[in-house]
């Protein structure tokens, strides 16, 4: 896990960006089983203190 550059605390991982079919947009959600090994998936880490997010992809 990475540390927030602003708060210097460990960022929370285990989030991803998914389609929000109800509202027609995107949302950040906790990863579910079966999504761990997908290629080109966007992963999100969130700082629990300030809410800063960092995005990265798997290759």
N, C-alpha and C. Protein backbone atom coordinates (compact mmCIF):
# COMPACT_ATOMS: atom_id res chain seq x y z
N UNK A 1 0.83 -1.19 0.00
CA UNK A 1 0.00 0.00 0.00
C UNK A 1 0.87 1.25 0.00
N UNK A 2 0.34 2.28 -0.58
CA UNK A 2 1.02 3.56 -0.63
C UNK A 2 0.60 4.42 0.55
N UNK A 3 1.39 5.45 0.81
CA UNK A 3 1.04 6.43 1.83
C UNK A 3 0.58 7.71 1.15
N UNK A 4 -0.38 8.37 1.77
CA UNK A 4 -0.86 9.66 1.26
C UNK A 4 0.26 10.67 1.39
N UNK A 5 0.52 11.40 0.31
CA UNK A 5 1.59 12.39 0.34
C UNK A 5 1.23 13.59 1.20
N UNK A 6 -0.05 13.84 1.39
CA UNK A 6 -0.49 14.98 2.18
C UNK A 6 -0.54 14.65 3.68
N UNK A 7 -1.13 13.49 4.03
CA UNK A 7 -1.37 13.14 5.43
C UNK A 7 -0.34 12.17 6.01
N UNK A 8 0.43 11.51 5.15
CA UNK A 8 1.43 10.53 5.55
C UNK A 8 0.82 9.34 6.31
N UNK A 9 -0.39 8.92 5.91
CA UNK A 9 -1.02 7.71 6.47
C UNK A 9 -1.22 6.71 5.34
N UNK A 10 -1.35 5.42 5.69
CA UNK A 10 -1.58 4.40 4.67
C UNK A 10 -2.93 4.59 4.01
N UNK A 11 -2.92 4.49 2.69
CA UNK A 11 -4.16 4.62 1.94
C UNK A 11 -4.89 3.29 1.94
N UNK A 12 -6.22 3.35 1.91
CA UNK A 12 -7.04 2.14 1.87
C UNK A 12 -7.13 1.64 0.44
N UNK A 13 -6.88 0.36 0.25
CA UNK A 13 -6.99 -0.23 -1.08
C UNK A 13 -8.20 -1.15 -1.13
N UNK A 14 -8.40 -1.81 -2.27
CA UNK A 14 -9.52 -2.73 -2.41
C UNK A 14 -10.73 -2.09 -3.07
N UNK A 15 -10.52 -0.97 -3.76
CA UNK A 15 -11.60 -0.29 -4.48
C UNK A 15 -11.32 -0.32 -5.97
N UNK A 16 -12.37 -0.19 -6.76
CA UNK A 16 -12.24 -0.13 -8.21
C UNK A 16 -13.34 0.79 -8.76
N UNK A 17 -13.23 1.16 -10.02
CA UNK A 17 -14.25 1.98 -10.68
C UNK A 17 -15.14 1.05 -11.49
N UNK A 18 -16.45 1.17 -11.30
CA UNK A 18 -17.41 0.32 -11.99
C UNK A 18 -18.52 1.18 -12.61
N UNK A 19 -19.23 0.60 -13.58
CA UNK A 19 -20.38 1.27 -14.17
C UNK A 19 -21.51 1.34 -13.17
N UNK A 20 -22.16 2.49 -13.11
CA UNK A 20 -23.35 2.66 -12.30
C UNK A 20 -24.54 2.65 -13.26
N UNK A 21 -25.08 1.47 -13.50
CA UNK A 21 -26.15 1.32 -14.50
C UNK A 21 -27.42 2.06 -14.14
N UNK A 22 -27.65 2.31 -12.87
CA UNK A 22 -28.88 3.00 -12.45
C UNK A 22 -28.82 4.47 -12.81
N UNK A 23 -27.67 5.12 -12.55
CA UNK A 23 -27.56 6.56 -12.78
C UNK A 23 -26.80 6.92 -14.06
N UNK A 24 -26.31 5.92 -14.78
CA UNK A 24 -25.65 6.16 -16.06
C UNK A 24 -24.27 6.77 -15.95
N UNK A 25 -23.55 6.50 -14.90
CA UNK A 25 -22.20 7.05 -14.75
C UNK A 25 -21.25 6.02 -14.20
N UNK A 26 -20.25 6.49 -13.49
CA UNK A 26 -19.26 5.62 -12.85
C UNK A 26 -19.30 5.83 -11.35
N UNK A 27 -18.89 4.80 -10.61
CA UNK A 27 -18.80 4.95 -9.16
C UNK A 27 -17.61 4.15 -8.65
N UNK A 28 -17.13 4.52 -7.49
CA UNK A 28 -16.05 3.79 -6.84
C UNK A 28 -16.69 2.81 -5.86
N UNK A 29 -16.31 1.54 -5.97
CA UNK A 29 -16.91 0.50 -5.14
C UNK A 29 -15.83 -0.46 -4.65
N UNK A 30 -16.13 -1.15 -3.57
CA UNK A 30 -15.23 -2.19 -3.08
C UNK A 30 -15.16 -3.30 -4.11
N UNK A 31 -13.97 -3.87 -4.27
CA UNK A 31 -13.80 -4.98 -5.20
C UNK A 31 -14.53 -6.20 -4.66
N UNK A 32 -15.06 -6.98 -5.58
CA UNK A 32 -15.75 -8.20 -5.22
C UNK A 32 -14.96 -9.40 -5.72
N UNK A 33 -15.28 -10.57 -5.21
CA UNK A 33 -14.59 -11.78 -5.66
C UNK A 33 -14.73 -11.94 -7.16
N UNK A 34 -13.69 -12.47 -7.78
CA UNK A 34 -13.73 -12.71 -9.21
C UNK A 34 -13.18 -11.58 -10.04
N UNK A 35 -12.96 -10.40 -9.45
CA UNK A 35 -12.46 -9.26 -10.20
C UNK A 35 -10.96 -9.05 -10.00
N UNK A 36 -10.34 -9.85 -9.14
CA UNK A 36 -8.94 -9.65 -8.79
C UNK A 36 -7.98 -9.81 -9.96
N UNK A 37 -8.24 -10.73 -10.87
CA UNK A 37 -7.28 -11.04 -11.93
C UNK A 37 -7.63 -10.45 -13.29
N UNK A 38 -8.53 -9.49 -13.34
CA UNK A 38 -8.88 -8.87 -14.62
C UNK A 38 -7.75 -7.98 -15.11
N UNK A 39 -7.54 -7.95 -16.41
CA UNK A 39 -6.52 -7.09 -17.01
C UNK A 39 -7.11 -5.71 -17.29
N UNK A 40 -6.27 -4.70 -17.27
CA UNK A 40 -6.64 -3.32 -17.58
C UNK A 40 -7.78 -2.80 -16.71
N UNK A 41 -7.85 -3.25 -15.48
CA UNK A 41 -8.86 -2.77 -14.55
C UNK A 41 -8.29 -1.58 -13.79
N UNK A 42 -9.10 -0.60 -13.49
CA UNK A 42 -8.66 0.57 -12.73
C UNK A 42 -8.82 0.29 -11.25
N UNK A 43 -7.72 0.41 -10.52
CA UNK A 43 -7.73 0.25 -9.07
C UNK A 43 -7.69 1.63 -8.42
N UNK A 44 -8.28 1.73 -7.24
CA UNK A 44 -8.36 3.00 -6.53
C UNK A 44 -7.85 2.79 -5.11
N UNK A 45 -7.02 3.72 -4.64
CA UNK A 45 -6.63 3.79 -3.24
C UNK A 45 -7.13 5.12 -2.70
N UNK A 46 -7.67 5.10 -1.47
CA UNK A 46 -8.28 6.29 -0.89
C UNK A 46 -7.64 6.58 0.46
N UNK A 47 -7.31 7.84 0.70
CA UNK A 47 -6.77 8.25 1.99
C UNK A 47 -7.93 8.36 2.98
N UNK A 48 -7.86 7.68 4.13
CA UNK A 48 -8.95 7.74 5.10
C UNK A 48 -9.04 9.08 5.82
N UNK A 49 -7.97 9.88 5.77
CA UNK A 49 -7.96 11.18 6.45
C UNK A 49 -8.55 12.30 5.60
N UNK A 50 -8.00 12.48 4.39
CA UNK A 50 -8.40 13.62 3.56
C UNK A 50 -9.26 13.25 2.36
N UNK A 51 -9.36 11.95 2.05
CA UNK A 51 -10.19 11.51 0.93
C UNK A 51 -9.51 11.55 -0.43
N UNK A 52 -8.21 11.89 -0.46
CA UNK A 52 -7.49 11.91 -1.73
C UNK A 52 -7.49 10.52 -2.34
N UNK A 53 -7.66 10.44 -3.66
CA UNK A 53 -7.68 9.16 -4.36
C UNK A 53 -6.52 9.07 -5.33
N UNK A 54 -5.99 7.87 -5.47
CA UNK A 54 -4.98 7.59 -6.47
C UNK A 54 -5.50 6.44 -7.33
N UNK A 55 -5.35 6.57 -8.64
CA UNK A 55 -5.81 5.56 -9.58
C UNK A 55 -4.62 4.89 -10.23
N UNK A 56 -4.71 3.60 -10.49
CA UNK A 56 -3.70 2.88 -11.24
C UNK A 56 -4.35 1.69 -11.91
N UNK A 57 -3.68 1.13 -12.94
CA UNK A 57 -4.24 0.00 -13.67
C UNK A 57 -3.31 -1.20 -13.55
N UNK A 58 -3.89 -2.39 -13.75
CA UNK A 58 -3.08 -3.61 -13.81
C UNK A 58 -2.75 -3.88 -15.27
N UNK A 59 -1.62 -4.49 -15.50
CA UNK A 59 -1.23 -4.83 -16.88
C UNK A 59 -1.01 -6.28 -17.01
